[in-house]
Amino acid sequence: MAETPLAFMIATYVVLAIFFIVDLFVIGRKPHVPTTKECVQHIAFFVVAALIFGGLVWWVSGSQPALEFYSGWLTEYSLSIDNLFVFVIIMTNFAVPKKLQKYVLSVGITIALVLRGLFILVGAAVIQRFTWVFFIFGAFLIYTAVKLVAGDDDDDEEYHENALIRALRKVVKITDEYDGEKIRTVKNGKKFFTPMLIVFLTIGTTDVMFAFDSIPAIFGLTKDPFIVFTSNIFALLGLQQLYFLLGALLDKLEYLPYGLAVVLGFIGVKLVMEALHGNSLPFINGGHPITQVPEIPTWMSLCVIIVAIGVAALASVIKMKTNEAKAKAE
């Protein structure tokens, strides 16, 4: 397998940075509620861009990295859809005006991207030095999968501020009213921060909390930080349009958690199996690798991800149509 050329990685980061800058400072300069047509066009553009990028990775580095990218991108994209439930709650909790929500998501996702990048660098360094961390990642993903199947309605029905936001409220003066896109405003001759600051940080830091599930999952598919990071970027691109397009349908995708649980559970098992292959823990087989454990190829991971999410989405749509038909009959 060929290594990804440095020039290709630099070019990729430059192009993706341009995407974010244009989205944030050009398209985002005019706050508005995206139309359905606009949302579909943006989502289609970024999906096609991800497919083309995977093809370019195949061309410059070989089939294995390309399959790893597609698997990581699909996994992250699927998990990002689940994040939208919380984004809806955050927007409602802070009473963000509808026309400002796209701008808020752009800035919040950019903050999340920077924090995820740091998380990925740390994760890659840890994995390279301590292969036994796969046992922890694998067990955590399996636990998360079980939790999804068991259901945790409290997390979806109510938003709880994290420690950073609670601490910020104690030391910063914040008004109760928005002033357009401004973070700072003047009220009665005094300077205050607007709720926009809190919303930005809430979206960004909350998204990173979700990364504790998704990034270990992608590390279960590839050990290449470049593939992990680009999988995250392409999944986050277009997420704000998906927010507006699916916002009203999210609560009807009732089988999506089961599909995500299958994906996370599968990758968790895969991580544990890989950990056994590189085992160095003295209390497991005397610290010797267990080579008898079969390896799961990347193409199989990609198939499991596509089938699990596809079946969950299809079952949700069928159930939604059935419920609508019953409602009309009554």
Protein backbone atom coordinates (compact mmCIF):
# COMPACT_ATOMS: atom_id res chain seq x y z
CA MET A 1 0.00 0.00 0.00
CA ALA A 2 1.42 3.38 -1.02
CA GLU A 3 1.61 6.18 1.50
CA THR A 4 -0.46 9.28 0.85
CA PRO A 5 1.81 11.89 -0.82
CA LEU A 6 2.45 15.00 1.26
CA ALA A 7 1.51 17.27 -1.65
CA PHE A 8 -1.89 15.55 -1.91
CA MET A 9 -2.53 16.00 1.81
CA ILE A 10 -1.61 19.69 1.70
CA ALA A 11 -3.80 20.28 -1.36
CA THR A 12 -6.68 18.49 0.39
CA TYR A 13 -6.43 20.65 3.50
CA VAL A 14 -6.24 23.84 1.41
CA VAL A 15 -9.36 22.95 -0.62
CA LEU A 16 -11.32 21.93 2.49
CA ALA A 17 -10.28 25.14 4.26
CA ILE A 18 -11.60 27.12 1.28
CA PHE A 19 -14.92 25.22 1.52
CA PHE A 20 -15.30 26.24 5.16
CA ILE A 21 -14.22 29.85 4.61
CA VAL A 22 -16.65 30.32 1.70
CA ASP A 23 -19.46 28.70 3.67
CA LEU A 24 -18.81 30.78 6.79
CA PHE A 25 -17.83 34.20 5.45
CA VAL A 26 -19.47 34.32 2.00
CA ILE A 27 -22.64 32.21 2.08
CA GLY A 28 -23.06 32.76 5.82
CA ARG A 29 -22.86 36.58 5.57
CA LYS A 30 -26.56 36.72 4.70
CA PRO A 31 -28.48 34.97 7.49
CA HIS A 32 -31.48 33.12 6.12
CA VAL A 33 -33.44 29.90 6.35
CA PRO A 34 -32.21 27.62 3.53
CA THR A 35 -34.87 26.40 1.13
CA THR A 36 -35.36 22.69 0.51
CA LYS A 37 -33.79 23.09 -2.95
CA GLU A 38 -30.74 24.85 -1.49
CA CYS A 39 -30.31 22.14 1.16
CA VAL A 40 -30.55 19.30 -1.36
CA GLN A 41 -28.06 21.01 -3.70
CA HIS A 42 -25.50 21.57 -0.92
CA ILE A 43 -25.84 18.03 0.45
CA ALA A 44 -25.56 16.51 -3.02
CA PHE A 45 -22.47 18.63 -3.75
CA PHE A 46 -20.64 17.52 -0.60
CA VAL A 47 -21.65 13.86 -1.03
CA VAL A 48 -20.33 13.87 -4.60
CA ALA A 49 -17.20 15.68 -3.38
CA ALA A 50 -16.62 12.92 -0.79
CA LEU A 51 -17.08 10.21 -3.43
CA ILE A 52 -14.63 11.97 -5.76
CA PHE A 53 -12.13 12.46 -2.94
CA GLY A 54 -12.28 8.73 -2.14
CA GLY A 55 -11.54 8.04 -5.81
CA LEU A 56 -8.54 10.38 -5.70
CA VAL A 57 -7.26 8.61 -2.56
CA TRP A 58 -7.60 5.31 -4.45
CA TRP A 59 -5.62 6.79 -7.34
CA VAL A 60 -2.72 8.20 -5.29
CA SER A 61 -2.57 5.67 -2.41
CA GLY A 62 -4.36 2.49 -3.44
CA SER A 63 -7.66 0.75 -2.75
CA GLN A 64 -7.14 0.10 0.98
CA PRO A 65 -6.96 3.77 2.10
CA ALA A 66 -9.89 4.60 -0.20
CA LEU A 67 -12.08 1.89 1.32
CA GLU A 68 -11.03 3.06 4.79
CA PHE A 69 -12.05 6.61 3.89
CA TYR A 70 -15.46 5.55 2.56
CA SER A 71 -16.08 3.40 5.64
CA GLY A 72 -15.02 6.18 8.02
CA TRP A 73 -17.00 8.83 6.15
CA LEU A 74 -20.21 6.75 6.12
CA THR A 75 -19.82 5.91 9.81
CA GLU A 76 -19.17 9.53 10.81
CA TYR A 77 -21.96 10.83 8.57
CA SER A 78 -24.43 8.37 10.08
CA LEU A 79 -23.42 9.29 13.62
CA SER A 80 -23.58 13.00 12.74
CA ILE A 81 -27.24 12.59 11.80
CA ASP A 82 -27.84 11.45 15.37
CA ASN A 83 -26.11 14.66 16.56
CA LEU A 84 -28.84 16.68 14.90
CA PHE A 85 -31.30 15.64 17.62
CA VAL A 86 -29.19 17.53 20.16
CA PHE A 87 -28.63 20.49 17.83
CA VAL A 88 -32.40 20.93 17.56
CA ILE A 89 -32.68 20.91 21.36
CA ILE A 90 -29.83 23.42 21.76
CA MET A 91 -31.37 25.83 19.25
CA THR A 92 -34.71 25.57 21.02
CA ASN A 93 -33.19 25.90 24.49
CA PHE A 94 -31.39 29.13 23.58
CA ALA A 95 -34.27 30.44 21.42
CA VAL A 96 -31.96 31.05 18.45
CA PRO A 97 -33.85 32.97 15.72
CA LYS A 98 -34.51 30.73 12.71
CA LYS A 99 -32.64 33.00 10.28
CA LEU A 100 -29.49 32.89 12.45
CA GLN A 101 -29.39 29.12 12.91
CA LYS A 102 -27.40 28.41 9.75
CA TYR A 103 -24.71 30.89 10.77
CA VAL A 104 -24.62 29.44 14.29
CA LEU A 105 -24.15 25.93 12.92
CA SER A 106 -21.34 27.11 10.60
CA VAL A 107 -19.33 28.66 13.42
CA GLY A 108 -20.13 25.89 15.90
CA ILE A 109 -19.09 23.17 13.46
CA THR A 110 -15.86 25.04 12.67
CA ILE A 111 -15.04 25.14 16.39
CA ALA A 112 -15.86 21.44 16.62
CA LEU A 113 -13.58 20.69 13.66
CA VAL A 114 -10.59 22.35 15.35
CA LEU A 115 -11.23 20.50 18.61
CA ARG A 116 -11.71 17.20 16.76
CA GLY A 117 -8.40 17.74 14.98
CA LEU A 118 -6.63 18.00 18.34
CA PHE A 119 -8.50 14.93 19.57
CA ILE A 120 -7.43 12.93 16.48
CA LEU A 121 -3.77 13.93 16.87
CA VAL A 122 -3.78 12.83 20.50
CA GLY A 123 -5.63 9.63 19.64
CA ALA A 124 -3.19 8.75 16.86
CA ALA A 125 -0.20 9.31 19.13
CA VAL A 126 -1.71 7.15 21.88
CA ILE A 127 -2.58 4.32 19.48
CA GLN A 128 0.92 4.26 17.98
CA ARG A 129 2.51 3.91 21.42
CA PHE A 130 -0.07 1.83 23.26
CA THR A 131 -1.90 -0.71 21.09
CA TRP A 132 -3.76 -2.01 24.15
CA VAL A 133 -5.89 1.16 24.02
CA PHE A 134 -7.88 -0.70 21.33
CA PHE A 135 -9.35 -2.83 24.13
CA ILE A 136 -10.67 0.35 25.77
CA PHE A 137 -11.97 1.83 22.52
CA GLY A 138 -13.60 -1.45 21.56
CA ALA A 139 -15.27 -1.94 24.94
CA PHE A 140 -16.51 1.67 24.91
CA LEU A 141 -18.07 1.29 21.45
CA ILE A 142 -19.78 -1.97 22.42
CA TYR A 143 -21.11 -0.27 25.58
CA THR A 144 -22.39 2.64 23.48
CA ALA A 145 -24.08 0.21 21.07
CA VAL A 146 -25.87 -1.53 23.94
CA LYS A 147 -26.89 1.84 25.36
CA LEU A 148 -28.40 2.84 22.00
CA VAL A 149 -30.45 -0.34 21.79
CA ALA A 150 -31.55 -0.09 25.43
CA GLY A 151 -32.61 3.52 24.82
CA ASP A 152 -31.66 6.66 26.72
CA ASP A 153 -34.56 9.00 26.14
CA ASP A 154 -33.43 11.51 28.75
CA ASP A 155 -30.46 12.52 26.61
CA ASP A 156 -32.69 13.27 23.63
CA GLU A 157 -35.50 15.02 25.47
CA GLU A 158 -33.47 17.47 27.52
CA TYR A 159 -30.26 19.37 26.95
CA HIS A 160 -27.85 19.78 29.88
CA GLU A 161 -25.13 22.43 29.74
CA ASN A 162 -21.60 21.07 30.03
CA ALA A 163 -19.08 22.23 32.64
CA LEU A 164 -17.37 24.73 30.30
CA ILE A 165 -20.63 26.60 29.60
CA ARG A 166 -21.63 26.62 33.28
CA ALA A 167 -18.23 28.03 34.27
CA LEU A 168 -18.41 30.68 31.54
CA ARG A 169 -21.78 31.92 32.76
CA LYS A 170 -20.24 32.63 36.18
CA VAL A 171 -17.46 34.89 34.91
CA VAL A 172 -18.94 36.57 31.81
CA LYS A 173 -21.80 39.07 31.62
CA ILE A 174 -24.33 37.81 29.08
CA THR A 175 -27.55 39.46 27.92
CA ASP A 176 -30.80 37.59 27.32
CA GLU A 177 -31.34 39.12 23.87
CA TYR A 178 -29.62 38.54 20.51
CA ASP A 179 -28.17 41.40 18.46
CA GLY A 180 -28.03 39.83 15.01
CA GLU A 181 -24.77 37.91 14.50
CA LYS A 182 -22.89 40.00 17.08
CA ILE A 183 -21.11 38.33 19.98
CA ARG A 184 -20.68 41.63 21.84
CA THR A 185 -23.29 44.35 22.28
CA VAL A 186 -23.82 47.54 24.25
CA LYS A 187 -26.75 47.78 26.67
CA ASN A 188 -27.38 50.83 28.87
CA GLY A 189 -23.88 52.08 28.05
CA LYS A 190 -22.23 48.83 29.17
CA LYS A 191 -20.68 46.08 27.05
CA PHE A 192 -22.13 42.59 27.28
CA PHE A 193 -21.72 39.31 25.45
CA THR A 194 -24.83 38.12 23.62
CA PRO A 195 -26.22 34.56 23.92
CA MET A 196 -24.52 33.93 20.55
CA LEU A 197 -21.22 33.29 22.36
CA ILE A 198 -22.78 30.58 24.52
CA VAL A 199 -24.54 29.00 21.54
CA PHE A 200 -21.29 28.86 19.51
CA LEU A 201 -19.41 27.15 22.33
CA THR A 202 -22.32 24.85 23.14
CA ILE A 203 -22.61 23.55 19.57
CA GLY A 204 -18.84 23.12 19.26
CA THR A 205 -18.16 21.45 22.60
CA THR A 206 -21.29 19.29 22.46
CA ASP A 207 -20.21 18.00 19.05
CA VAL A 208 -16.84 17.05 20.52
CA MET A 209 -18.66 15.01 23.17
CA PHE A 210 -20.15 13.00 20.31
CA ALA A 211 -16.62 12.57 18.92
CA PHE A 212 -15.82 10.31 21.88
CA ASP A 213 -18.04 7.78 20.10
CA SER A 214 -17.31 8.49 16.46
CA ILE A 215 -13.54 9.01 16.41
CA PRO A 216 -12.72 5.72 18.19
CA ALA A 217 -15.10 4.09 15.70
CA ILE A 218 -13.14 5.49 12.75
CA PHE A 219 -9.83 4.49 14.36
CA GLY A 220 -11.33 1.00 14.33
CA LEU A 221 -11.46 1.24 10.54
CA THR A 222 -8.15 2.97 9.85
CA LYS A 223 -5.02 3.99 11.76
CA ASP A 224 -4.16 6.80 9.32
CA PRO A 225 -4.80 10.22 10.98
CA PHE A 226 -5.20 11.80 7.53
CA ILE A 227 -8.05 9.43 6.65
CA VAL A 228 -9.61 9.87 10.10
CA PHE A 229 -9.52 13.66 9.85
CA THR A 230 -10.78 13.89 6.26
CA SER A 231 -13.59 11.44 7.11
CA ASN A 232 -14.66 13.83 9.86
CA ILE A 233 -14.40 16.91 7.65
CA PHE A 234 -16.48 15.50 4.80
CA ALA A 235 -19.09 14.28 7.28
CA LEU A 236 -19.37 17.72 8.88
CA LEU A 237 -19.58 19.52 5.53
CA GLY A 238 -23.22 19.89 4.64
CA LEU A 239 -24.35 18.95 8.14
CA GLN A 240 -26.05 22.32 8.62
CA GLN A 241 -28.12 21.84 5.44
CA LEU A 242 -29.02 18.36 6.64
CA TYR A 243 -30.18 19.99 9.89
CA PHE A 244 -32.75 22.09 8.06
CA LEU A 245 -33.74 19.33 5.64
CA LEU A 246 -34.30 16.61 8.23
CA GLY A 247 -35.16 18.73 11.26
CA ALA A 248 -38.84 17.86 11.09
CA LEU A 249 -38.18 14.19 10.35
CA LEU A 250 -35.56 13.35 12.98
CA ASP A 251 -38.05 12.15 15.56
CA LYS A 252 -39.61 9.84 12.94
CA LEU A 253 -36.36 7.98 12.14
CA GLU A 254 -37.04 5.65 15.06
CA TYR A 255 -34.96 2.74 13.81
CA LEU A 256 -31.81 4.81 13.18
CA PRO A 257 -30.40 4.14 16.70
CA TYR A 258 -30.57 0.39 16.00
CA GLY A 259 -28.61 0.80 12.77
CA LEU A 260 -26.02 2.92 14.55
CA ALA A 261 -25.84 0.34 17.35
CA VAL A 262 -25.03 -2.40 14.82
CA VAL A 263 -22.28 -0.26 13.29
CA LEU A 264 -20.71 0.71 16.63
CA GLY A 265 -21.01 -2.83 18.00
CA PHE A 266 -19.40 -4.31 14.89
CA ILE A 267 -16.50 -1.83 14.94
CA GLY A 268 -16.09 -2.36 18.69
CA VAL A 269 -15.69 -6.11 18.17
CA LYS A 270 -13.31 -5.42 15.27
CA LEU A 271 -11.16 -3.23 17.53
CA VAL A 272 -10.98 -5.88 20.23
CA MET A 273 -9.98 -8.49 17.64
CA GLU A 274 -7.24 -6.19 16.34
CA ALA A 275 -6.09 -5.57 19.90
CA LEU A 276 -5.74 -9.32 20.39
CA HIS A 277 -3.58 -9.47 17.25
CA GLY A 278 -1.20 -6.86 18.66
CA ASN A 279 -1.63 -7.97 22.27
CA SER A 280 1.14 -7.02 24.69
CA LEU A 281 -0.78 -7.33 27.97
CA PRO A 282 0.90 -9.90 30.25
CA PHE A 283 -2.38 -11.23 31.67
CA ILE A 284 -3.73 -12.13 28.19
CA ASN A 285 -2.00 -15.14 26.63
CA GLY A 286 1.19 -14.23 28.47
CA GLY A 287 1.54 -10.99 26.53
CA HIS A 288 1.79 -12.79 23.17
CA PRO A 289 -0.37 -11.83 20.16
CA ILE A 290 -3.28 -14.19 19.49
CA THR A 291 -2.83 -14.77 15.77
CA GLN A 292 -5.67 -17.31 15.60
CA VAL A 293 -8.22 -14.49 15.85
CA PRO A 294 -9.47 -13.74 12.30
CA GLU A 295 -8.98 -10.28 10.80
CA ILE A 296 -11.98 -8.41 9.40
CA PRO A 297 -11.19 -6.86 6.00
CA THR A 298 -12.08 -3.22 5.31
CA TRP A 299 -14.46 -4.11 2.48
CA MET A 300 -16.53 -6.17 4.93
CA SER A 301 -16.68 -3.23 7.34
CA LEU A 302 -17.93 -1.00 4.52
CA CYS A 303 -20.64 -3.55 3.60
CA VAL A 304 -21.83 -3.86 7.21
CA ILE A 305 -22.04 -0.07 7.57
CA ILE A 306 -24.01 0.38 4.33
CA VAL A 307 -26.43 -2.48 5.07
CA ALA A 308 -27.01 -1.53 8.72
CA ILE A 309 -27.72 2.16 8.05
CA GLY A 310 -29.62 1.42 4.84
CA VAL A 311 -31.94 -1.13 6.47
CA ALA A 312 -32.53 1.14 9.49
CA ALA A 313 -33.39 4.11 7.25
CA LEU A 314 -35.66 2.03 5.01
CA ALA A 315 -37.45 0.47 7.99
CA SER A 316 -37.95 3.95 9.50
CA VAL A 317 -39.45 5.30 6.28
CA ILE A 318 -41.78 2.30 5.95
CA LYS A 319 -42.89 2.69 9.57
CA MET A 320 -43.44 6.42 9.04
CA LYS A 321 -45.57 5.79 5.92
CA THR A 322 -47.56 3.10 7.75
CA ASN A 323 -48.28 5.45 10.67
CA GLU A 324 -49.36 8.20 8.25
CA ALA A 325 -51.69 5.79 6.44
CA LYS A 326 -53.25 4.69 9.77
CA ALA A 327 -53.70 8.31 10.83
CA LYS A 328 -55.55 9.12 7.59
CA ALA A 329 -57.73 6.00 7.91
CA GLU A 330 -58.79 7.08 11.39
